[in-house]
Amino acid sequence: MTTTFLNTKSMSYGELIGNGVTYIVPPYQRDYAWEEEFWEDLWQDVMEIPNEKYHYTGYVVLQESEKKKFSIIDGQQRLTTITIISLACIKLLDEWIQNGVDAENNKQRKEKLIERFIGNRPASSLKLSSKLRLNKNSDGFFQSYLIDQREPKNKTKLKPTEKLLWSAFEYFCEKVREKFQASQSGEAVAFFLEETLAEGLLFTTIYVDDDINAYKVFETLNARGVKLSTTDLLKNSIFSLASSGGESDVVSFRYNVIGGLNPNIAEGLYNKAAIRTTEGALQTAKAIFQEIKPLYVSDEKFKSDFSLKTISSRSQKISEIHLAQTGKSC
């Protein structure tokens, strides 16, 4: 019998982001979705840190996928937005460098802050390796435009999640410009990131063993009074039910990883199923699966998509199980 462990630890944002690991948003997680209401709330909380010494930011649930790599089970919206604040500060330093404002010192500050909060540059390639990677729909834009600090040529053609990411970046760029306009002090910007943001934002991090299903974490948190949506609970319970043979993410593996389909559409189906479950219309696992049946792509499509797909070693075991199952059904 597998033993379940939840390793819980309080950490500052600086400890979380500066510990040499990479954080990855799994394919089944929804796209970046925060809008201005949430950006404003977070910014106001950050502005209060000098008076209150710290701000408790909530739970982050992580699962180790490979050595020094963790999947973000819960908390990706907050971590992404805080990274965007860091990027806005770095953008401001770069503007000052271009304008000759304490250029040499600010160049050094910029590189130090990138290394601590954004990513590292291996000596071999000198290409920035980001500490945070978003899901398939969001990460390409996030890396190419926000991390690399490039402005999109045609913003009207951006996907909804890309528009939100860029709007968040522009919002926080404006906020940090307003904050440091009078002083134009690179030292003050660095202090803001290294002390106010890194030391003032506190998280409860929950590390999930590979041997347990993510839904159990959500159920545990819910039992402790943490506000989690019915959709989150349902989605993670579904992954558990789908993995009766000991493997998780069966539905998402077929839909997102192999099929490459939009996780936002999946989120809508989960929402609908969650509402109908809450109302009592769906009362059995069979009824819930029937409701989200569109997420489970046909065996024919799965095998066709799979034949063209290159997957990571982490997914190989799941794929073997899937191919065995689809072979039996043919």
Protein backbone atom coordinates (compact mmCIF):
# COMPACT_ATOMS: atom_id res chain seq x y z
CA MET A 1 0.00 0.00 0.00
CA THR A 2 1.35 3.42 -1.02
CA THR A 3 1.98 5.87 1.80
CA THR A 4 0.80 9.44 1.24
CA PHE A 5 3.03 12.32 2.22
CA LEU A 6 2.39 16.05 2.10
CA ASN A 7 5.56 17.98 2.83
CA THR A 8 4.58 21.49 3.89
CA LYS A 9 6.98 24.38 4.33
CA SER A 10 6.75 28.15 4.73
CA MET A 11 8.93 30.00 2.25
CA SER A 12 9.52 33.52 1.06
CA TYR A 13 9.25 34.24 -2.65
CA GLY A 14 13.02 34.70 -2.74
CA GLU A 15 13.57 31.22 -1.31
CA LEU A 16 11.05 29.72 -3.70
CA ILE A 17 12.41 31.28 -6.88
CA GLY A 18 16.08 31.32 -5.89
CA ASN A 19 16.59 27.66 -5.06
CA GLY A 20 17.94 26.57 -8.45
CA VAL A 21 14.85 24.73 -9.69
CA THR A 22 12.56 25.18 -12.69
CA TYR A 23 8.79 25.48 -12.24
CA ILE A 24 6.58 24.12 -15.01
CA VAL A 25 2.83 24.58 -15.52
CA PRO A 26 1.44 21.15 -16.59
CA PRO A 27 -0.38 20.90 -19.96
CA TYR A 28 -3.78 20.29 -18.33
CA GLN A 29 -3.67 23.51 -16.29
CA ARG A 30 -5.61 26.46 -17.66
CA ASP A 31 -3.93 29.37 -19.41
CA TYR A 32 -2.89 32.55 -17.63
CA ALA A 33 -6.22 34.14 -16.69
CA TRP A 34 -5.66 36.95 -14.19
CA GLU A 35 -7.07 40.35 -15.14
CA GLU A 36 -6.61 43.88 -13.83
CA GLU A 37 -8.68 43.33 -10.68
CA PHE A 38 -6.21 40.68 -9.51
CA TRP A 39 -3.14 42.65 -10.64
CA GLU A 40 -4.36 45.65 -8.64
CA ASP A 41 -5.01 43.55 -5.53
CA LEU A 42 -1.54 42.02 -5.66
CA TRP A 43 0.14 45.38 -6.27
CA GLN A 44 -1.68 46.94 -3.31
CA ASP A 45 -0.60 44.02 -1.13
CA VAL A 46 3.01 44.49 -2.23
CA MET A 47 2.80 48.23 -1.52
CA GLU A 48 1.73 47.48 2.06
CA ILE A 49 4.72 45.24 2.79
CA PRO A 50 7.00 48.07 4.07
CA ASN A 51 4.34 48.81 6.71
CA GLU A 52 3.32 45.24 7.52
CA LYS A 53 6.77 43.60 6.99
CA TYR A 54 5.30 40.74 4.97
CA HIS A 55 2.24 39.60 3.05
CA TYR A 56 0.96 36.03 3.18
CA THR A 57 0.33 35.04 -0.45
CA GLY A 58 -1.26 31.61 0.05
CA TYR A 59 -0.52 28.04 -0.96
CA VAL A 60 1.66 26.77 -3.79
CA VAL A 61 1.33 23.05 -4.51
CA LEU A 62 4.30 21.47 -6.29
CA GLN A 63 5.14 18.01 -7.57
CA GLU A 64 8.65 17.02 -8.59
CA SER A 65 8.65 15.79 -12.18
CA GLU A 66 12.39 15.51 -12.76
CA LYS A 67 15.49 16.44 -10.79
CA LYS A 68 15.33 20.17 -10.06
CA LYS A 69 12.02 20.48 -11.97
CA PHE A 70 8.62 20.89 -10.32
CA SER A 71 5.13 20.92 -11.78
CA ILE A 72 2.88 23.65 -10.38
CA ILE A 73 -0.31 21.88 -9.29
CA ASP A 74 -1.75 25.06 -7.78
CA GLY A 75 -0.51 28.66 -7.65
CA GLN A 76 0.58 29.30 -11.24
CA GLN A 77 -1.44 32.52 -11.59
CA ARG A 78 0.31 34.12 -8.59
CA LEU A 79 3.78 32.91 -9.50
CA THR A 80 3.39 34.10 -13.08
CA THR A 81 2.16 37.52 -12.01
CA ILE A 82 4.97 38.01 -9.50
CA THR A 83 7.45 37.06 -12.23
CA ILE A 84 5.86 39.71 -14.44
CA ILE A 85 6.42 42.32 -11.71
CA SER A 86 10.09 41.32 -11.65
CA LEU A 87 10.25 41.61 -15.44
CA ALA A 88 8.71 45.09 -15.27
CA CYS A 89 11.42 46.20 -12.84
CA ILE A 90 14.13 44.81 -15.12
CA LYS A 91 12.51 46.59 -18.07
CA LEU A 92 12.71 49.88 -16.14
CA LEU A 93 16.41 49.36 -15.45
CA ASP A 94 16.97 48.67 -19.13
CA GLU A 95 15.21 51.92 -20.07
CA TRP A 96 17.46 53.82 -17.69
CA ILE A 97 20.53 52.11 -19.13
CA GLN A 98 19.50 53.18 -22.64
CA ASN A 99 19.03 56.74 -21.37
CA GLY A 100 22.41 56.80 -19.62
CA VAL A 101 21.03 56.83 -16.08
CA ASP A 102 23.79 55.28 -13.92
CA ALA A 103 24.28 52.94 -16.89
CA GLU A 104 27.23 50.82 -15.71
CA ASN A 105 25.83 50.12 -12.25
CA ASN A 106 22.36 49.46 -13.61
CA LYS A 107 23.75 46.97 -16.15
CA GLN A 108 25.25 45.01 -13.29
CA ARG A 109 22.04 45.25 -11.28
CA LYS A 110 19.99 44.11 -14.27
CA GLU A 111 22.12 40.97 -14.81
CA LYS A 112 22.11 40.12 -11.11
CA LEU A 113 18.32 40.47 -10.88
CA ILE A 114 17.76 38.42 -14.04
CA GLU A 115 19.93 35.65 -12.63
CA ARG A 116 18.12 35.65 -9.29
CA PHE A 117 14.50 36.06 -10.37
CA ILE A 118 14.14 35.18 -14.06
CA GLY A 119 16.65 32.57 -15.20
CA ASN A 120 20.25 31.54 -15.74
CA ARG A 121 22.55 31.68 -18.76
CA PRO A 122 24.61 28.47 -19.15
CA ALA A 123 28.19 29.18 -20.19
CA SER A 124 27.81 26.85 -23.18
CA SER A 125 24.90 28.61 -24.93
CA LEU A 126 24.55 31.91 -23.07
CA LYS A 127 20.82 31.58 -23.78
CA LEU A 128 18.55 32.50 -20.89
CA SER A 129 16.97 29.43 -19.29
CA SER A 130 13.78 30.56 -17.56
CA LYS A 131 12.94 29.53 -13.99
CA LEU A 132 9.23 29.49 -14.91
CA ARG A 133 7.64 27.77 -17.89
CA LEU A 134 3.93 28.11 -18.62
CA ASN A 135 1.63 25.66 -20.38
CA LYS A 136 1.74 24.96 -24.10
CA ASN A 137 -0.69 27.75 -25.06
CA SER A 138 1.14 30.43 -23.10
CA ASP A 139 4.82 29.58 -22.81
CA GLY A 140 6.01 30.38 -26.32
CA PHE A 141 4.70 33.93 -26.06
CA PHE A 142 5.84 34.28 -22.44
CA GLN A 143 9.41 33.31 -23.28
CA SER A 144 9.69 35.16 -26.60
CA TYR A 145 8.15 38.46 -25.55
CA LEU A 146 8.05 38.90 -21.78
CA ILE A 147 11.23 37.06 -20.82
CA ASP A 148 13.14 38.38 -23.87
CA GLN A 149 11.58 41.85 -23.42
CA ARG A 150 10.30 42.22 -26.99
CA GLU A 151 7.09 43.98 -27.99
CA PRO A 152 4.64 42.06 -30.20
CA LYS A 153 4.27 43.54 -33.69
CA ASN A 154 0.52 43.03 -33.98
CA LYS A 155 -1.23 42.92 -30.60
CA THR A 156 -4.68 42.57 -32.17
CA LYS A 157 -3.80 39.06 -33.37
CA LEU A 158 -2.71 37.78 -29.98
CA LYS A 159 -4.57 34.89 -28.38
CA PRO A 160 -6.63 35.75 -25.25
CA THR A 161 -3.98 34.38 -22.86
CA GLU A 162 -1.24 36.27 -24.73
CA LYS A 163 -3.21 39.50 -24.51
CA LEU A 164 -3.58 39.02 -20.75
CA LEU A 165 0.12 38.31 -20.29
CA TRP A 166 1.14 41.37 -22.29
CA SER A 167 -1.48 43.56 -20.60
CA ALA A 168 -0.20 42.45 -17.20
CA PHE A 169 3.35 43.32 -18.26
CA GLU A 170 2.28 46.79 -19.47
CA TYR A 171 0.26 47.33 -16.29
CA PHE A 172 3.18 46.57 -13.98
CA CYS A 173 5.64 48.48 -16.17
CA GLU A 174 3.50 51.55 -15.62
CA LYS A 175 3.23 50.88 -11.88
CA VAL A 176 6.99 50.55 -11.35
CA ARG A 177 7.67 53.63 -13.51
CA GLU A 178 5.31 55.62 -11.30
CA LYS A 179 6.92 54.25 -8.15
CA PHE A 180 10.51 55.09 -9.14
CA GLN A 181 9.98 58.08 -11.42
CA ALA A 182 11.12 60.66 -8.88
CA SER A 183 14.24 58.90 -7.64
CA GLN A 184 15.39 57.13 -10.82
CA SER A 185 17.43 54.98 -8.46
CA GLY A 186 18.55 51.56 -9.63
CA GLU A 187 19.51 50.81 -6.05
CA ALA A 188 15.89 51.43 -4.98
CA VAL A 189 14.58 49.12 -7.74
CA ALA A 190 16.97 46.36 -6.67
CA PHE A 191 15.97 46.80 -3.02
CA PHE A 192 12.31 46.58 -4.01
CA LEU A 193 12.88 43.22 -5.73
CA GLU A 194 15.40 41.73 -3.30
CA GLU A 195 13.81 42.86 -0.06
CA THR A 196 10.18 43.93 -0.51
CA LEU A 197 9.16 41.33 -3.08
CA ALA A 198 11.57 38.47 -2.35
CA GLU A 199 11.46 38.64 1.45
CA GLY A 200 8.03 40.18 1.97
CA LEU A 201 5.88 37.73 0.00
CA LEU A 202 5.38 34.52 1.98
CA PHE A 203 3.97 31.21 0.74
CA THR A 204 3.03 27.88 2.20
CA THR A 205 4.58 25.41 -0.21
CA ILE A 206 3.21 21.89 -0.35
CA TYR A 207 5.40 19.27 -2.00
CA VAL A 208 3.49 16.29 -3.32
CA ASP A 209 5.12 12.86 -3.58
CA ASP A 210 5.13 11.26 -7.01
CA ASP A 211 3.28 8.31 -5.49
CA ILE A 212 0.03 10.16 -4.77
CA ASN A 213 -2.58 11.74 -6.97
CA ALA A 214 -2.84 15.52 -7.11
CA TYR A 215 -6.54 15.48 -6.25
CA LYS A 216 -5.77 14.32 -2.70
CA VAL A 217 -3.88 17.54 -2.09
CA PHE A 218 -6.89 19.56 -3.16
CA GLU A 219 -9.19 17.53 -0.94
CA THR A 220 -6.82 17.97 2.02
CA LEU A 221 -6.58 21.72 1.50
CA ASN A 222 -10.32 21.97 1.10
CA ALA A 223 -10.83 20.13 4.38
CA ARG A 224 -8.53 22.67 6.07
CA GLY A 225 -10.68 25.56 4.91
CA VAL A 226 -8.65 26.71 1.93
CA LYS A 227 -11.02 28.06 -0.73
CA LEU A 228 -10.67 25.89 -3.81
CA SER A 229 -13.16 25.86 -6.66
CA THR A 230 -15.47 22.92 -7.28
CA THR A 231 -13.92 22.76 -10.73
CA ASP A 232 -10.43 22.26 -9.31
CA LEU A 233 -11.66 19.55 -6.96
CA LEU A 234 -13.64 17.84 -9.69
CA LYS A 235 -10.82 18.01 -12.23
CA ASN A 236 -8.28 16.49 -9.89
CA SER A 237 -10.75 13.85 -8.69
CA ILE A 238 -11.33 12.92 -12.33
CA PHE A 239 -7.60 12.43 -12.80
CA SER A 240 -7.65 10.13 -9.80
CA LEU A 241 -10.61 8.10 -11.06
CA ALA A 242 -8.99 7.86 -14.48
CA SER A 243 -5.83 6.43 -12.94
CA SER A 244 -7.20 3.36 -11.20
CA GLY A 245 -4.29 1.39 -12.66
CA GLY A 246 -1.80 3.58 -10.82
CA GLU A 247 -1.17 6.28 -13.49
CA SER A 248 -2.49 9.85 -13.41
CA ASP A 249 -3.39 12.42 -16.08
CA VAL A 250 -4.96 9.89 -18.46
CA VAL A 251 -7.54 12.34 -19.76
CA SER A 252 -5.16 15.28 -20.02
CA PHE A 253 -2.43 13.16 -21.61
CA ARG A 254 -4.69 12.26 -24.53
CA TYR A 255 -6.32 15.67 -24.82
CA ASN A 256 -3.46 18.12 -24.18
CA VAL A 257 -0.11 16.39 -24.49
CA ILE A 258 -0.79 14.18 -27.51
CA GLY A 259 -3.78 15.91 -29.11
CA GLY A 260 -2.39 19.39 -28.50
CA LEU A 261 -5.90 20.69 -27.87
CA ASN A 262 -6.83 23.88 -26.03
CA PRO A 263 -6.87 23.54 -22.20
CA ASN A 264 -9.28 26.49 -21.97
CA ILE A 265 -11.96 24.44 -23.75
CA ALA A 266 -11.29 21.68 -21.25
CA GLU A 267 -11.68 24.19 -18.42
CA GLY A 268 -15.13 25.12 -19.74
CA LEU A 269 -16.23 21.49 -19.77
CA TYR A 270 -14.91 20.99 -16.24
CA ASN A 271 -16.83 24.08 -15.12
CA LYS A 272 -20.05 22.81 -16.65
CA ALA A 273 -19.57 19.40 -15.05
CA ALA A 274 -18.76 21.02 -11.70
CA ILE A 275 -21.95 23.10 -11.78
CA ARG A 276 -24.11 20.11 -12.68
CA THR A 277 -22.42 18.03 -9.96
CA THR A 278 -23.06 20.76 -7.37
CA GLU A 279 -26.71 20.97 -8.46
CA GLY A 280 -27.05 17.21 -8.05
CA ALA A 281 -27.63 16.46 -11.73
CA LEU A 282 -24.48 14.32 -11.87
CA GLN A 283 -24.20 11.91 -8.95
CA THR A 284 -21.92 9.13 -10.14
CA ALA A 285 -18.43 8.88 -11.60
CA LYS A 286 -19.97 7.37 -14.75
CA ALA A 287 -22.27 10.38 -15.19
CA ILE A 288 -19.37 12.81 -14.71
CA PHE A 289 -17.23 10.99 -17.25
CA GLN A 290 -20.11 11.08 -19.72
CA GLU A 291 -20.32 14.86 -19.24
CA ILE A 292 -16.64 15.37 -20.05
CA LYS A 293 -16.50 12.70 -22.74
CA PRO A 294 -15.43 15.23 -25.44
CA LEU A 295 -12.09 15.53 -23.62
CA TYR A 296 -11.32 11.86 -24.20
CA VAL A 297 -10.26 11.83 -27.84
CA SER A 298 -11.01 8.73 -29.89
CA ASP A 299 -8.53 5.88 -30.04
CA GLU A 300 -8.07 6.50 -33.76
CA LYS A 301 -7.19 10.17 -33.27
CA PHE A 302 -4.99 9.38 -30.29
CA LYS A 303 -2.96 6.80 -32.23
CA SER A 304 -2.70 9.11 -35.24
CA ASP A 305 -1.54 12.08 -33.15
CA PHE A 306 0.79 9.88 -31.12
CA SER A 307 2.58 8.61 -34.24
CA LEU A 308 3.64 12.19 -35.02
CA LYS A 309 4.48 13.22 -31.46
CA THR A 310 7.85 13.47 -29.70
CA ILE A 311 7.36 13.13 -25.94
CA SER A 312 9.52 13.42 -22.86
CA SER A 313 10.83 10.47 -20.87
CA ARG A 314 8.37 11.38 -18.09
CA SER A 315 5.46 10.57 -20.43
CA GLN A 316 6.85 7.31 -21.84
CA LYS A 317 5.37 5.08 -19.17
CA ILE A 318 1.93 6.66 -19.57
CA SER A 319 2.13 6.29 -23.34
CA GLU A 320 2.94 2.58 -23.06
CA ILE A 321 -0.16 2.03 -20.92
CA HIS A 322 -2.31 4.05 -23.34
CA LEU A 323 -1.11 2.17 -26.40
CA ALA A 324 -1.70 -1.13 -24.67
CA GLN A 325 -5.25 -0.07 -23.75
CA THR A 326 -6.08 1.22 -27.22
CA GLY A 327 -4.65 -1.93 -28.77
CA LYS A 328 -7.04 -4.06 -26.71
CA SER A 329 -10.02 -2.00 -27.81
CA CYS A 330 -9.28 -2.35 -31.57
